[in-house]
């Protein structure tokens, strides 16, 4: 049978890793949230406009192969 020291170490390790750390309890700065949201709302559209059709196709092919090519 395993020694008591090993059993204690295993129980302590699993108790720490079994519960996720809650990071959503920290307060957020409303100004940062607003600016981040604004950038996120227009980011995809602006990126799509700036990419050439060839580059957009390369990205789409890579995404499709990553999703269905397995």
PDB file of N, CA and C in Angstrom:
ATOM      1  N   UNK A   1       0.832  -1.201   0.000  1.00  0.00           N
ATOM      2  CA  UNK A   1       0.000   0.000   0.000  1.00  0.00           C
ATOM      3  C   UNK A   1       0.869   1.255   0.000  1.00  0.00           C
ATOM      4  N   UNK A   2       0.356   2.351  -0.537  1.00  0.00           N
ATOM      5  CA  UNK A   2       1.119   3.600  -0.548  1.00  0.00           C
ATOM      6  C   UNK A   2       1.318   4.133   0.867  1.00  0.00           C
ATOM      7  N   UNK A   3       2.417   4.846   1.045  1.00  0.00           N
ATOM      8  CA  UNK A   3       2.689   5.400   2.365  1.00  0.00           C
ATOM      9  C   UNK A   3       1.732   6.556   2.650  1.00  0.00           C
ATOM     10  N   UNK A   4       1.486   6.864   3.917  1.00  0.00           N
ATOM     11  CA  UNK A   4       0.575   7.965   4.260  1.00  0.00           C
ATOM     12  C   UNK A   4       1.036   9.309   3.704  1.00  0.00           C
ATOM     13  N   UNK A   5       2.352   9.500   3.583  1.00  0.00           N
ATOM     14  CA  UNK A   5       2.850  10.765   3.041  1.00  0.00           C
ATOM     15  C   UNK A   5       2.394  10.970   1.597  1.00  0.00           C
ATOM     16  N   UNK A   6       2.428   9.907   0.821  1.00  0.00           N
ATOM     17  CA  UNK A   6       1.999  10.007  -0.573  1.00  0.00           C
ATOM     18  C   UNK A   6       0.504  10.287  -0.645  1.00  0.00           C
ATOM     19  N   UNK A   7      -0.277   9.623   0.200  1.00  0.00           N
ATOM     20  CA  UNK A   7      -1.723   9.840   0.196  1.00  0.00           C
ATOM     21  C   UNK A   7      -2.071  11.276   0.570  1.00  0.00           C
ATOM     22  N   UNK A   8      -1.339  11.837   1.529  1.00  0.00           N
ATOM     23  CA  UNK A   8      -1.581  13.231   1.920  1.00  0.00           C
ATOM     24  C   UNK A   8      -1.220  14.167   0.768  1.00  0.00           C
ATOM     25  N   UNK A   9      -0.090  13.924   0.123  1.00  0.00           N
ATOM     26  CA  UNK A   9       0.326  14.776  -0.992  1.00  0.00           C
ATOM     27  C   UNK A   9      -0.685  14.711  -2.136  1.00  0.00           C
ATOM     28  N   UNK A  10      -1.182  13.527  -2.429  1.00  0.00           N
ATOM     29  CA  UNK A  10      -2.164  13.382  -3.504  1.00  0.00           C
ATOM     30  C   UNK A  10      -3.456  14.091  -3.148  1.00  0.00           C
ATOM     31  N   UNK A  11      -3.909  13.949  -1.913  1.00  0.00           N
ATOM     32  CA  UNK A  11      -5.170  14.590  -1.532  1.00  0.00           C
ATOM     33  C   UNK A  11      -5.038  16.110  -1.547  1.00  0.00           C
ATOM     34  N   UNK A  12      -3.897  16.638  -1.129  1.00  0.00           N
ATOM     35  CA  UNK A  12      -3.701  18.087  -1.169  1.00  0.00           C
ATOM     36  C   UNK A  12      -3.637  18.591  -2.610  1.00  0.00           C
ATOM     37  N   UNK A  13      -2.943  17.866  -3.459  1.00  0.00           N
ATOM     38  CA  UNK A  13      -2.820  18.279  -4.856  1.00  0.00           C
ATOM     39  C   UNK A  13      -4.170  18.272  -5.551  1.00  0.00           C
ATOM     40  N   UNK A  14      -4.945  17.236  -5.354  1.00  0.00           N
ATOM     41  CA  UNK A  14      -6.243  17.166  -6.026  1.00  0.00           C
ATOM     42  C   UNK A  14      -7.222  18.171  -5.454  1.00  0.00           C
ATOM     43  N   UNK A  15      -7.108  18.500  -4.184  1.00  0.00           N
ATOM     44  CA  UNK A  15      -8.038  19.485  -3.626  1.00  0.00           C
ATOM     45  C   UNK A  15      -7.752  20.877  -4.185  1.00  0.00           C
ATOM     46  N   UNK A  16      -6.488  21.177  -4.494  1.00  0.00           N
ATOM     47  CA  UNK A  16      -6.160  22.484  -5.061  1.00  0.00           C
ATOM     48  C   UNK A  16      -6.549  22.577  -6.529  1.00  0.00           C
ATOM     49  N   UNK A  17      -6.430  21.479  -7.249  1.00  0.00           N
ATOM     50  CA  UNK A  17      -6.695  21.525  -8.680  1.00  0.00           C
ATOM     51  C   UNK A  17      -8.137  21.204  -9.038  1.00  0.00           C
ATOM     52  N   UNK A  18      -8.929  20.760  -8.091  1.00  0.00           N
ATOM     53  CA  UNK A  18     -10.308  20.377  -8.392  1.00  0.00           C
ATOM     54  C   UNK A  18     -11.231  21.569  -8.517  1.00  0.00           C
ATOM     55  N   UNK A  19     -10.877  22.670  -7.916  1.00  0.00           N
ATOM     56  CA  UNK A  19     -11.759  23.825  -7.914  1.00  0.00           C
ATOM     57  C   UNK A  19     -11.149  24.937  -8.760  1.00  0.00           C
ATOM     58  N   UNK A  20     -11.858  25.392  -9.788  1.00  0.00           N
ATOM     59  CA  UNK A  20     -11.306  26.464 -10.624  1.00  0.00           C
ATOM     60  C   UNK A  20     -11.225  27.783  -9.866  1.00  0.00           C
ATOM     61  N   UNK A  21     -10.251  28.564 -10.217  1.00  0.00           N
ATOM     62  CA  UNK A  21     -10.087  29.877  -9.603  1.00  0.00           C
ATOM     63  C   UNK A  21     -11.059  30.834 -10.266  1.00  0.00           C
ATOM     64  N   UNK A  22     -11.813  31.547  -9.473  1.00  0.00           N
ATOM     65  CA  UNK A  22     -12.791  32.480 -10.017  1.00  0.00           C
ATOM     66  C   UNK A  22     -12.127  33.836 -10.219  1.00  0.00           C
ATOM     67  N   UNK A  23     -11.978  34.215 -11.472  1.00  0.00           N
ATOM     68  CA  UNK A  23     -11.366  35.503 -11.775  1.00  0.00           C
ATOM     69  C   UNK A  23     -12.412  36.559 -12.081  1.00  0.00           C
ATOM     70  N   UNK A  24     -13.672  36.139 -12.223  1.00  0.00           N
ATOM     71  CA  UNK A  24     -14.706  37.103 -12.560  1.00  0.00           C
ATOM     72  C   UNK A  24     -15.181  37.901 -11.354  1.00  0.00           C
ATOM     73  N   UNK A  25     -14.648  37.618 -10.178  1.00  0.00           N
ATOM     74  CA  UNK A  25     -15.055  38.363  -8.998  1.00  0.00           C
ATOM     75  C   UNK A  25     -14.286  39.678  -8.861  1.00  0.00           C
ATOM     76  N   UNK A  26     -13.230  39.839  -9.648  1.00  0.00           N
ATOM     77  CA  UNK A  26     -12.464  41.075  -9.581  1.00  0.00           C
ATOM     78  C   UNK A  26     -13.229  42.192 -10.281  1.00  0.00           C
ATOM     79  N   UNK A  27     -13.229  43.391  -9.731  1.00  0.00           N
ATOM     80  CA  UNK A  27     -13.959  44.487 -10.385  1.00  0.00           C
ATOM     81  C   UNK A  27     -13.262  44.915 -11.673  1.00  0.00           C
ATOM     82  N   UNK A  28     -14.068  45.278 -12.663  1.00  0.00           N
ATOM     83  CA  UNK A  28     -13.523  45.711 -13.948  1.00  0.00           C
ATOM     84  C   UNK A  28     -13.733  47.206 -14.099  1.00  0.00           C
ATOM     85  N   UNK A  29     -12.789  47.841 -14.764  1.00  0.00           N
ATOM     86  CA  UNK A  29     -12.884  49.261 -15.033  1.00  0.00           C
ATOM     87  C   UNK A  29     -13.865  49.460 -16.191  1.00  0.00           C
ATOM     88  N   UNK A  30     -14.975  50.169 -15.981  1.00  0.00           N
ATOM     89  CA  UNK A  30     -15.969  50.332 -17.047  1.00  0.00           C
ATOM     90  C   UNK A  30     -15.415  50.996 -18.310  1.00  0.00           C
ATOM     91  N   UNK A  31     -14.479  51.912 -18.163  1.00  0.00           N
ATOM     92  CA  UNK A  31     -13.900  52.569 -19.338  1.00  0.00           C
ATOM     93  C   UNK A  31     -13.117  51.562 -20.180  1.00  0.00           C
ATOM     94  N   UNK A  32     -12.382  50.674 -19.530  1.00  0.00           N
ATOM     95  CA  UNK A  32     -11.632  49.656 -20.260  1.00  0.00           C
ATOM     96  C   UNK A  32     -12.571  48.678 -20.957  1.00  0.00           C
ATOM     97  N   UNK A  33     -13.643  48.317 -20.285  1.00  0.00           N
ATOM     98  CA  UNK A  33     -14.612  47.394 -20.876  1.00  0.00           C
ATOM     99  C   UNK A  33     -15.234  48.011 -22.121  1.00  0.00           C
ATOM    100  N   UNK A  34     -15.584  49.293 -22.043  1.00  0.00           N
ATOM    101  CA  UNK A  34     -16.211  49.975 -23.175  1.00  0.00           C
ATOM    102  C   UNK A  34     -15.260  50.068 -24.362  1.00  0.00           C
ATOM    103  N   UNK A  35     -14.017  50.461 -24.110  1.00  0.00           N
ATOM    104  CA  UNK A  35     -13.073  50.599 -25.223  1.00  0.00           C
ATOM    105  C   UNK A  35     -12.739  49.241 -25.828  1.00  0.00           C
ATOM    106  N   UNK A  36     -12.636  48.224 -25.013  1.00  0.00           N
ATOM    107  CA  UNK A  36     -12.377  46.886 -25.540  1.00  0.00           C
ATOM    108  C   UNK A  36     -13.529  46.371 -26.378  1.00  0.00           C
ATOM    109  N   UNK A  37     -14.738  46.664 -25.944  1.00  0.00           N
ATOM    110  CA  UNK A  37     -15.916  46.232 -26.698  1.00  0.00           C
ATOM    111  C   UNK A  37     -15.988  46.950 -28.042  1.00  0.00           C
ATOM    112  N   UNK A  38     -15.700  48.241 -28.054  1.00  0.00           N
ATOM    113  CA  UNK A  38     -15.753  48.995 -29.306  1.00  0.00           C
ATOM    114  C   UNK A  38     -14.737  48.463 -30.310  1.00  0.00           C
ATOM    115  N   UNK A  39     -13.546  48.168 -29.839  1.00  0.00           N
ATOM    116  CA  UNK A  39     -12.534  47.613 -30.729  1.00  0.00           C
ATOM    117  C   UNK A  39     -12.927  46.236 -31.237  1.00  0.00           C
ATOM    118  N   UNK A  40     -13.526  45.435 -30.378  1.00  0.00           N
ATOM    119  CA  UNK A  40     -13.952  44.102 -30.784  1.00  0.00           C
ATOM    120  C   UNK A  40     -15.088  44.122 -31.781  1.00  0.00           C
ATOM    121  N   UNK A  41     -15.960  45.108 -31.676  1.00  0.00           N
ATOM    122  CA  UNK A  41     -17.105  45.177 -32.580  1.00  0.00           C
ATOM    123  C   UNK A  41     -16.689  45.479 -34.012  1.00  0.00           C
ATOM    124  N   UNK A  42     -15.669  46.307 -34.181  1.00  0.00           N
ATOM    125  CA  UNK A  42     -15.284  46.668 -35.542  1.00  0.00           C
ATOM    126  C   UNK A  42     -14.047  45.928 -36.036  1.00  0.00           C
ATOM    127  N   UNK A  43     -13.411  45.165 -35.189  1.00  0.00           N
ATOM    128  CA  UNK A  43     -12.160  44.516 -35.559  1.00  0.00           C
ATOM    129  C   UNK A  43     -12.262  43.551 -36.715  1.00  0.00           C
ATOM    130  N   UNK A  44     -13.251  42.658 -36.698  1.00  0.00           N
ATOM    131  CA  UNK A  44     -13.379  41.663 -37.752  1.00  0.00           C
ATOM    132  C   UNK A  44     -13.716  42.266 -39.098  1.00  0.00           C
ATOM    133  N   UNK A  45     -14.585  43.253 -39.094  1.00  0.00           N
ATOM    134  CA  UNK A  45     -14.983  43.891 -40.353  1.00  0.00           C
ATOM    135  C   UNK A  45     -13.806  44.628 -40.980  1.00  0.00           C
ATOM    136  N   UNK A  46     -13.083  45.364 -40.172  1.00  0.00           N
ATOM    137  CA  UNK A  46     -11.941  46.123 -40.688  1.00  0.00           C
ATOM    138  C   UNK A  46     -10.865  45.174 -41.206  1.00  0.00           C
ATOM    139  N   UNK A  47     -10.634  44.089 -40.488  1.00  0.00           N
ATOM    140  CA  UNK A  47      -9.619  43.130 -40.929  1.00  0.00           C
ATOM    141  C   UNK A  47     -10.022  42.496 -42.255  1.00  0.00           C
ATOM    142  N   UNK A  48     -11.293  42.156 -42.395  1.00  0.00           N
ATOM    143  CA  UNK A  48     -11.759  41.551 -43.642  1.00  0.00           C
ATOM    144  C   UNK A  48     -11.621  42.517 -44.813  1.00  0.00           C
ATOM    145  N   UNK A  49     -11.855  43.791 -44.574  1.00  0.00           N
ATOM    146  CA  UNK A  49     -11.715  44.779 -45.642  1.00  0.00           C
ATOM    147  C   UNK A  49     -10.258  44.950 -46.068  1.00  0.00           C
ATOM    148  N   UNK A  50      -9.349  44.820 -45.123  1.00  0.00           N
ATOM    149  CA  UNK A  50      -7.936  45.052 -45.423  1.00  0.00           C
ATOM    150  C   UNK A  50      -7.257  43.848 -46.069  1.00  0.00           C
ATOM    151  N   UNK A  51      -7.806  42.658 -45.887  1.00  0.00           N
ATOM    152  CA  UNK A  51      -7.187  41.465 -46.457  1.00  0.00           C
ATOM    153  C   UNK A  51      -7.511  41.345 -47.941  1.00  0.00           C
ATOM    154  N   UNK A  52      -6.542  40.856 -48.672  1.00  0.00           N
ATOM    155  CA  UNK A  52      -6.788  40.607 -50.097  1.00  0.00           C
ATOM    156  C   UNK A  52      -7.643  39.344 -50.227  1.00  0.00           C
ATOM    157  N   UNK A  53      -8.335  39.187 -51.344  1.00  0.00           N
ATOM    158  CA  UNK A  53      -9.138  37.971 -51.536  1.00  0.00           C
ATOM    159  C   UNK A  53      -8.303  36.692 -51.464  1.00  0.00           C
ATOM    160  N   UNK A  54      -7.067  36.743 -51.947  1.00  0.00           N
ATOM    161  CA  UNK A  54      -6.200  35.570 -51.887  1.00  0.00           C
ATOM    162  C   UNK A  54      -5.873  35.199 -50.442  1.00  0.00           C
ATOM    163  N   UNK A  55      -5.577  36.214 -49.639  1.00  0.00           N
ATOM    164  CA  UNK A  55      -5.234  35.957 -48.235  1.00  0.00           C
ATOM    165  C   UNK A  55      -6.450  35.455 -47.467  1.00  0.00           C
ATOM    166  N   UNK A  56      -7.626  36.013 -47.761  1.00  0.00           N
ATOM    167  CA  UNK A  56      -8.846  35.531 -47.108  1.00  0.00           C
ATOM    168  C   UNK A  56      -9.078  34.061 -47.444  1.00  0.00           C
ATOM    169  N   UNK A  57      -8.816  33.698 -48.695  1.00  0.00           N
ATOM    170  CA  UNK A  57      -8.992  32.308 -49.103  1.00  0.00           C
ATOM    171  C   UNK A  57      -7.999  31.400 -48.375  1.00  0.00           C
ATOM    172  N   UNK A  58      -6.749  31.836 -48.245  1.00  0.00           N
ATOM    173  CA  UNK A  58      -5.748  31.046 -47.521  1.00  0.00           C
ATOM    174  C   UNK A  58      -6.190  30.797 -46.085  1.00  0.00           C
ATOM    175  N   UNK A  59      -6.692  31.835 -45.444  1.00  0.00           N
ATOM    176  CA  UNK A  59      -7.143  31.708 -44.059  1.00  0.00           C
ATOM    177  C   UNK A  59      -8.325  30.750 -43.975  1.00  0.00           C
ATOM    178  N   UNK A  60      -9.257  30.859 -44.929  1.00  0.00           N
ATOM    179  CA  UNK A  60     -10.439  29.995 -44.920  1.00  0.00           C
ATOM    180  C   UNK A  60     -10.069  28.534 -45.152  1.00  0.00           C
ATOM    181  N   UNK A  61      -9.134  28.287 -46.076  1.00  0.00           N
ATOM    182  CA  UNK A  61      -8.702  26.915 -46.351  1.00  0.00           C
ATOM    183  C   UNK A  61      -8.011  26.326 -45.125  1.00  0.00           C
ATOM    184  N   UNK A  62      -7.175  27.110 -44.481  1.00  0.00           N
ATOM    185  CA  UNK A  62      -6.486  26.637 -43.281  1.00  0.00           C
ATOM    186  C   UNK A  62      -7.479  26.328 -42.165  1.00  0.00           C
ATOM    187  N   UNK A  63      -8.479  27.183 -41.998  1.00  0.00           N
ATOM    188  CA  UNK A  63      -9.490  26.956 -40.962  1.00  0.00           C
ATOM    189  C   UNK A  63     -10.312  25.710 -41.261  1.00  0.00           C
ATOM    190  N   UNK A  64     -10.681  25.525 -42.517  1.00  0.00           N
ATOM    191  CA  UNK A  64     -11.472  24.351 -42.888  1.00  0.00           C
ATOM    192  C   UNK A  64     -10.680  23.065 -42.688  1.00  0.00           C
ATOM    193  N   UNK A  65      -9.402  23.082 -43.050  1.00  0.00           N
ATOM    194  CA  UNK A  65      -8.598  21.873 -42.868  1.00  0.00           C
ATOM    195  C   UNK A  65      -8.360  21.590 -41.392  1.00  0.00           C
ATOM    196  N   UNK A  66      -8.258  22.623 -40.583  1.00  0.00           N
ATOM    197  CA  UNK A  66      -8.094  22.415 -39.147  1.00  0.00           C
ATOM    198  C   UNK A  66      -9.369  21.847 -38.537  1.00  0.00           C
ATOM    199  N   UNK A  67     -10.502  22.261 -39.064  1.00  0.00           N
ATOM    200  CA  UNK A  67     -11.767  21.811 -38.491  1.00  0.00           C
ATOM    201  C   UNK A  67     -12.156  20.424 -38.995  1.00  0.00           C
ATOM    202  N   UNK A  68     -12.055  20.187 -40.294  1.00  0.00           N
ATOM    203  CA  UNK A  68     -12.557  18.940 -40.864  1.00  0.00           C
ATOM    204  C   UNK A  68     -11.463  18.019 -41.378  1.00  0.00           C
ATOM    205  N   UNK A  69     -10.236  18.451 -41.369  1.00  0.00           N
ATOM    206  CA  UNK A  69      -9.176  17.647 -41.959  1.00  0.00           C
ATOM    207  C   UNK A  69      -8.599  16.566 -41.067  1.00  0.00           C
ATOM    208  N   UNK A  70      -9.122  16.388 -39.889  1.00  0.00           N
ATOM    209  CA  UNK A  70      -8.539  15.412 -38.961  1.00  0.00           C
ATOM    210  C   UNK A  70      -8.936  13.991 -39.298  1.00  0.00           C
TER     211      UNK A  70
END
